[in-house]
N, C-alpha and C. Protein backbone atom coordinates (compact mmCIF):
# COMPACT_ATOMS: atom_id res chain seq x y z
N MET A 1 -31.91 -56.65 3.00
CA MET A 1 -32.56 -55.41 3.39
C MET A 1 -32.71 -54.49 2.18
N ALA A 2 -33.88 -53.94 2.01
CA ALA A 2 -34.16 -53.08 0.86
C ALA A 2 -33.51 -51.72 1.06
N ASP A 3 -33.04 -51.18 -0.03
CA ASP A 3 -32.42 -49.85 -0.01
C ASP A 3 -33.53 -48.81 0.11
N SER A 4 -33.51 -48.00 1.15
CA SER A 4 -34.58 -47.03 1.41
C SER A 4 -34.54 -45.84 0.45
N SER A 5 -33.47 -45.71 -0.35
CA SER A 5 -33.39 -44.58 -1.27
C SER A 5 -34.18 -44.83 -2.56
N HIS A 6 -34.70 -46.05 -2.72
CA HIS A 6 -35.49 -46.37 -3.91
C HIS A 6 -36.95 -46.51 -3.52
N TYR A 7 -37.77 -45.74 -4.17
CA TYR A 7 -39.20 -45.78 -3.88
C TYR A 7 -39.95 -46.24 -5.12
N SER A 8 -41.05 -46.90 -4.89
CA SER A 8 -41.88 -47.32 -6.01
C SER A 8 -42.60 -46.11 -6.57
N PHE A 9 -43.12 -46.27 -7.77
CA PHE A 9 -43.88 -45.20 -8.38
C PHE A 9 -45.07 -44.82 -7.51
N GLU A 10 -45.74 -45.81 -6.94
CA GLU A 10 -46.90 -45.55 -6.09
C GLU A 10 -46.51 -44.74 -4.85
N GLN A 11 -45.39 -45.07 -4.23
CA GLN A 11 -44.93 -44.31 -3.06
C GLN A 11 -44.62 -42.87 -3.45
N TYR A 12 -43.96 -42.70 -4.59
CA TYR A 12 -43.64 -41.36 -5.07
C TYR A 12 -44.93 -40.58 -5.35
N ARG A 13 -45.88 -41.19 -6.04
CA ARG A 13 -47.14 -40.54 -6.37
C ARG A 13 -47.91 -40.14 -5.11
N GLU A 14 -47.97 -41.03 -4.13
CA GLU A 14 -48.67 -40.73 -2.88
C GLU A 14 -47.99 -39.57 -2.15
N ALA A 15 -46.67 -39.54 -2.17
CA ALA A 15 -45.94 -38.45 -1.51
C ALA A 15 -46.23 -37.12 -2.21
N ARG A 16 -46.26 -37.09 -3.54
CA ARG A 16 -46.54 -35.86 -4.28
C ARG A 16 -47.96 -35.37 -4.02
N ILE A 17 -48.91 -36.31 -3.96
CA ILE A 17 -50.30 -35.94 -3.68
C ILE A 17 -50.40 -35.34 -2.28
N THR A 18 -49.70 -35.95 -1.32
CA THR A 18 -49.70 -35.45 0.05
C THR A 18 -49.09 -34.06 0.11
N ILE A 19 -47.98 -33.86 -0.57
CA ILE A 19 -47.32 -32.54 -0.59
C ILE A 19 -48.25 -31.50 -1.20
N ALA A 20 -48.91 -31.83 -2.30
CA ALA A 20 -49.83 -30.89 -2.95
C ALA A 20 -50.99 -30.54 -2.02
N ALA A 21 -51.50 -31.52 -1.29
CA ALA A 21 -52.59 -31.25 -0.35
C ALA A 21 -52.14 -30.35 0.78
N ILE A 22 -50.93 -30.57 1.28
CA ILE A 22 -50.39 -29.74 2.36
C ILE A 22 -50.18 -28.31 1.86
N GLU A 23 -49.62 -28.16 0.65
CA GLU A 23 -49.41 -26.83 0.10
C GLU A 23 -50.74 -26.09 -0.10
N ALA A 24 -51.75 -26.81 -0.58
CA ALA A 24 -53.06 -26.19 -0.76
C ALA A 24 -53.64 -25.74 0.57
N GLU A 25 -53.47 -26.55 1.62
CA GLU A 25 -53.98 -26.19 2.94
C GLU A 25 -53.23 -24.98 3.51
N ILE A 26 -51.92 -24.94 3.32
CA ILE A 26 -51.13 -23.79 3.79
C ILE A 26 -51.58 -22.53 3.07
N TRP A 27 -51.75 -22.63 1.76
CA TRP A 27 -52.21 -21.47 0.98
C TRP A 27 -53.56 -21.00 1.49
N TRP A 28 -54.47 -21.94 1.71
CA TRP A 28 -55.82 -21.60 2.16
C TRP A 28 -55.77 -20.91 3.52
N ARG A 29 -55.03 -21.48 4.46
CA ARG A 29 -54.95 -20.89 5.80
C ARG A 29 -54.32 -19.50 5.76
N HIS A 30 -53.29 -19.34 4.95
CA HIS A 30 -52.63 -18.03 4.84
C HIS A 30 -53.62 -16.98 4.33
N ASN A 31 -54.37 -17.30 3.29
CA ASN A 31 -55.30 -16.33 2.72
C ASN A 31 -56.51 -16.08 3.61
N VAL A 32 -56.97 -17.08 4.33
CA VAL A 32 -58.09 -16.88 5.25
C VAL A 32 -57.64 -16.00 6.41
N GLU A 33 -56.46 -16.28 6.96
CA GLU A 33 -55.95 -15.48 8.07
C GLU A 33 -55.74 -14.03 7.67
N ASN A 34 -55.37 -13.81 6.42
CA ASN A 34 -55.18 -12.44 5.93
C ASN A 34 -56.46 -11.83 5.39
N SER A 35 -57.57 -12.55 5.52
CA SER A 35 -58.90 -12.08 5.12
C SER A 35 -58.95 -11.62 3.67
N GLN A 36 -58.26 -12.33 2.80
CA GLN A 36 -58.32 -12.00 1.39
C GLN A 36 -59.47 -12.77 0.75
N PRO A 37 -60.40 -12.07 0.11
CA PRO A 37 -61.51 -12.77 -0.52
C PRO A 37 -61.06 -13.46 -1.80
N VAL A 38 -60.67 -14.71 -1.70
CA VAL A 38 -60.19 -15.46 -2.85
C VAL A 38 -60.90 -16.81 -2.92
N ALA A 39 -60.93 -17.36 -4.11
CA ALA A 39 -61.49 -18.69 -4.29
C ALA A 39 -60.39 -19.72 -4.03
N ARG A 40 -60.73 -20.80 -3.37
CA ARG A 40 -59.76 -21.86 -3.09
C ARG A 40 -59.55 -22.70 -4.35
N PRO A 41 -58.31 -22.77 -4.84
CA PRO A 41 -58.08 -23.58 -6.03
C PRO A 41 -58.11 -25.06 -5.70
N ALA A 42 -58.64 -25.86 -6.59
CA ALA A 42 -58.65 -27.30 -6.39
C ALA A 42 -57.27 -27.85 -6.76
N ALA A 43 -56.92 -28.98 -6.18
CA ALA A 43 -55.64 -29.61 -6.52
C ALA A 43 -55.63 -29.92 -8.00
N GLY A 44 -54.58 -29.51 -8.70
CA GLY A 44 -54.48 -29.75 -10.12
C GLY A 44 -55.42 -28.89 -10.95
N ASP A 45 -55.89 -27.78 -10.38
CA ASP A 45 -56.82 -26.89 -11.06
C ASP A 45 -56.17 -26.32 -12.32
N ALA A 46 -56.75 -26.58 -13.47
CA ALA A 46 -56.21 -26.08 -14.73
C ALA A 46 -56.35 -24.57 -14.83
N ALA A 47 -57.17 -23.97 -13.99
CA ALA A 47 -57.36 -22.53 -14.01
C ALA A 47 -56.23 -21.80 -13.29
N ALA A 48 -55.35 -22.53 -12.61
CA ALA A 48 -54.19 -21.93 -11.96
C ALA A 48 -53.03 -21.97 -12.95
N ILE A 49 -52.56 -20.79 -13.37
CA ILE A 49 -51.55 -20.74 -14.42
C ILE A 49 -50.32 -19.98 -13.98
N SER A 50 -49.22 -20.22 -14.66
CA SER A 50 -47.93 -19.59 -14.34
C SER A 50 -47.92 -18.13 -14.77
N ALA A 51 -46.89 -17.40 -14.32
CA ALA A 51 -46.76 -15.98 -14.68
C ALA A 51 -46.59 -15.82 -16.19
N GLY A 52 -45.79 -16.68 -16.79
CA GLY A 52 -45.58 -16.59 -18.24
C GLY A 52 -46.86 -16.80 -19.02
N ASN A 53 -47.63 -17.81 -18.62
CA ASN A 53 -48.90 -18.06 -19.30
C ASN A 53 -49.92 -16.98 -18.99
N ALA A 54 -49.88 -16.44 -17.78
CA ALA A 54 -50.78 -15.34 -17.42
C ALA A 54 -50.47 -14.11 -18.27
N ALA A 55 -49.18 -13.82 -18.45
CA ALA A 55 -48.78 -12.68 -19.27
C ALA A 55 -49.26 -12.88 -20.72
N LYS A 56 -49.09 -14.09 -21.24
CA LYS A 56 -49.55 -14.38 -22.61
C LYS A 56 -51.07 -14.21 -22.70
N PHE A 57 -51.78 -14.69 -21.68
CA PHE A 57 -53.23 -14.57 -21.65
C PHE A 57 -53.66 -13.11 -21.70
N LEU A 58 -52.93 -12.25 -21.00
CA LEU A 58 -53.25 -10.82 -20.95
C LEU A 58 -52.63 -10.04 -22.11
N SER A 59 -51.84 -10.71 -22.95
CA SER A 59 -51.14 -10.09 -24.10
C SER A 59 -50.19 -8.98 -23.65
N ILE A 60 -49.44 -9.27 -22.59
CA ILE A 60 -48.44 -8.34 -22.08
C ILE A 60 -47.15 -9.11 -21.82
N SER A 61 -46.06 -8.38 -21.61
CA SER A 61 -44.80 -9.04 -21.31
C SER A 61 -44.81 -9.56 -19.87
N LYS A 62 -43.92 -10.49 -19.59
CA LYS A 62 -43.83 -11.05 -18.25
C LYS A 62 -43.40 -9.97 -17.25
N SER A 63 -42.51 -9.08 -17.66
CA SER A 63 -42.07 -8.01 -16.75
C SER A 63 -43.22 -7.04 -16.45
N THR A 64 -44.05 -6.73 -17.44
CA THR A 64 -45.21 -5.87 -17.21
C THR A 64 -46.20 -6.58 -16.29
N PHE A 65 -46.35 -7.88 -16.47
CA PHE A 65 -47.22 -8.65 -15.58
C PHE A 65 -46.77 -8.51 -14.14
N TYR A 66 -45.46 -8.70 -13.89
CA TYR A 66 -44.93 -8.59 -12.52
C TYR A 66 -45.07 -7.16 -11.98
N GLU A 67 -44.95 -6.15 -12.85
CA GLU A 67 -45.16 -4.77 -12.42
C GLU A 67 -46.60 -4.56 -11.95
N LEU A 68 -47.55 -5.14 -12.68
CA LEU A 68 -48.96 -5.04 -12.29
C LEU A 68 -49.23 -5.76 -10.98
N VAL A 69 -48.55 -6.89 -10.76
CA VAL A 69 -48.69 -7.62 -9.49
C VAL A 69 -48.14 -6.77 -8.35
N ARG A 70 -46.94 -6.19 -8.56
CA ARG A 70 -46.33 -5.35 -7.51
C ARG A 70 -47.19 -4.12 -7.21
N ALA A 71 -47.85 -3.58 -8.23
CA ALA A 71 -48.70 -2.41 -8.06
C ALA A 71 -50.04 -2.75 -7.42
N GLY A 72 -50.36 -4.04 -7.34
CA GLY A 72 -51.63 -4.45 -6.74
C GLY A 72 -52.80 -4.52 -7.71
N ALA A 73 -52.52 -4.28 -8.99
CA ALA A 73 -53.59 -4.35 -9.99
C ALA A 73 -54.03 -5.78 -10.22
N ILE A 74 -53.10 -6.71 -10.04
CA ILE A 74 -53.38 -8.14 -10.18
C ILE A 74 -52.99 -8.78 -8.84
N PRO A 75 -53.80 -9.70 -8.32
CA PRO A 75 -53.46 -10.36 -7.05
C PRO A 75 -52.09 -11.04 -7.11
N LYS A 76 -51.47 -11.23 -5.94
CA LYS A 76 -50.13 -11.80 -5.87
C LYS A 76 -50.06 -13.27 -6.26
N GLY A 77 -51.17 -13.94 -6.35
CA GLY A 77 -51.15 -15.34 -6.69
C GLY A 77 -50.84 -16.19 -5.46
N PHE A 78 -50.51 -17.45 -5.67
CA PHE A 78 -50.23 -18.36 -4.58
C PHE A 78 -49.18 -19.36 -5.04
N ALA A 79 -48.49 -19.97 -4.09
CA ALA A 79 -47.42 -20.91 -4.41
C ALA A 79 -47.95 -22.33 -4.46
N VAL A 80 -47.53 -23.04 -5.48
CA VAL A 80 -47.83 -24.47 -5.61
C VAL A 80 -46.51 -25.13 -5.99
N GLY A 81 -46.04 -26.00 -5.11
CA GLY A 81 -44.77 -26.67 -5.40
C GLY A 81 -43.62 -25.70 -5.54
N GLY A 82 -43.65 -24.61 -4.81
CA GLY A 82 -42.57 -23.62 -4.88
C GLY A 82 -42.67 -22.68 -6.06
N ARG A 83 -43.71 -22.80 -6.85
CA ARG A 83 -43.88 -21.91 -8.01
C ARG A 83 -45.17 -21.12 -7.85
N ARG A 84 -45.12 -19.86 -8.27
CA ARG A 84 -46.26 -18.98 -8.14
C ARG A 84 -47.26 -19.25 -9.25
N LYS A 85 -48.54 -19.26 -8.89
CA LYS A 85 -49.63 -19.48 -9.85
C LYS A 85 -50.70 -18.41 -9.64
N TRP A 86 -51.46 -18.17 -10.69
CA TRP A 86 -52.56 -17.21 -10.63
C TRP A 86 -53.83 -17.90 -11.11
N LEU A 87 -54.94 -17.49 -10.53
CA LEU A 87 -56.22 -18.04 -10.95
C LEU A 87 -56.69 -17.33 -12.21
N ARG A 88 -57.16 -18.10 -13.15
CA ARG A 88 -57.68 -17.53 -14.40
C ARG A 88 -58.82 -16.56 -14.10
N SER A 89 -59.63 -16.86 -13.08
CA SER A 89 -60.75 -15.99 -12.74
C SER A 89 -60.27 -14.60 -12.31
N ASP A 90 -59.12 -14.54 -11.60
CA ASP A 90 -58.55 -13.23 -11.20
C ASP A 90 -58.10 -12.45 -12.43
N LEU A 91 -57.53 -13.15 -13.41
CA LEU A 91 -57.09 -12.48 -14.63
C LEU A 91 -58.29 -12.00 -15.45
N ASP A 92 -59.36 -12.80 -15.46
CA ASP A 92 -60.59 -12.38 -16.14
C ASP A 92 -61.15 -11.12 -15.50
N LYS A 93 -61.13 -11.05 -14.17
CA LYS A 93 -61.61 -9.86 -13.45
C LYS A 93 -60.77 -8.64 -13.80
N TYR A 94 -59.45 -8.84 -13.88
CA TYR A 94 -58.56 -7.73 -14.25
C TYR A 94 -58.91 -7.23 -15.65
N LEU A 95 -59.10 -8.15 -16.60
CA LEU A 95 -59.45 -7.74 -17.97
C LEU A 95 -60.78 -7.01 -18.02
N ALA A 96 -61.76 -7.51 -17.28
CA ALA A 96 -63.08 -6.86 -17.26
C ALA A 96 -62.96 -5.44 -16.69
N LYS A 97 -62.15 -5.28 -15.67
CA LYS A 97 -61.94 -3.97 -15.06
C LYS A 97 -61.27 -3.03 -16.07
N GLN A 98 -60.31 -3.54 -16.83
CA GLN A 98 -59.63 -2.71 -17.83
C GLN A 98 -60.59 -2.30 -18.95
N LYS A 99 -61.49 -3.20 -19.34
CA LYS A 99 -62.47 -2.88 -20.38
C LYS A 99 -63.43 -1.79 -19.92
N ARG A 100 -63.80 -1.84 -18.62
CA ARG A 100 -64.70 -0.81 -18.07
C ARG A 100 -64.00 0.55 -18.06
N LYS A 101 -62.70 0.56 -17.79
CA LYS A 101 -61.95 1.82 -17.76
C LYS A 101 -61.84 2.44 -19.16
N GLY A 102 -61.78 1.59 -20.17
CA GLY A 102 -61.61 2.06 -21.53
C GLY A 102 -60.15 2.29 -21.85
N PRO A 103 -59.84 2.72 -23.08
CA PRO A 103 -58.45 2.94 -23.47
C PRO A 103 -57.84 4.10 -22.70
N THR A 104 -56.54 3.94 -22.40
CA THR A 104 -55.85 5.00 -21.64
C THR A 104 -55.04 5.87 -22.54
């Protein structure tokens, strides 16, 4: 009898793909139900980036990034695999808005 605690690479890969698809569907349903006008990220979308990379992209500290998220200046992002991600397009919109405001 085969030990059920050992999975092949293919079984592991299929399970991860299934989990990612379920997480994407949950994220989509949550945002649609809350009527948030957001773009649906594709699985493995390179435009979805972490808080640290988002902060680097905006040339600010990670703590300042989280302050802007809490203040609502930047969208809250979405969870993928238990980690929060942000769409690059949302960060581009934030930068464009800051450029229109001018220096403070």
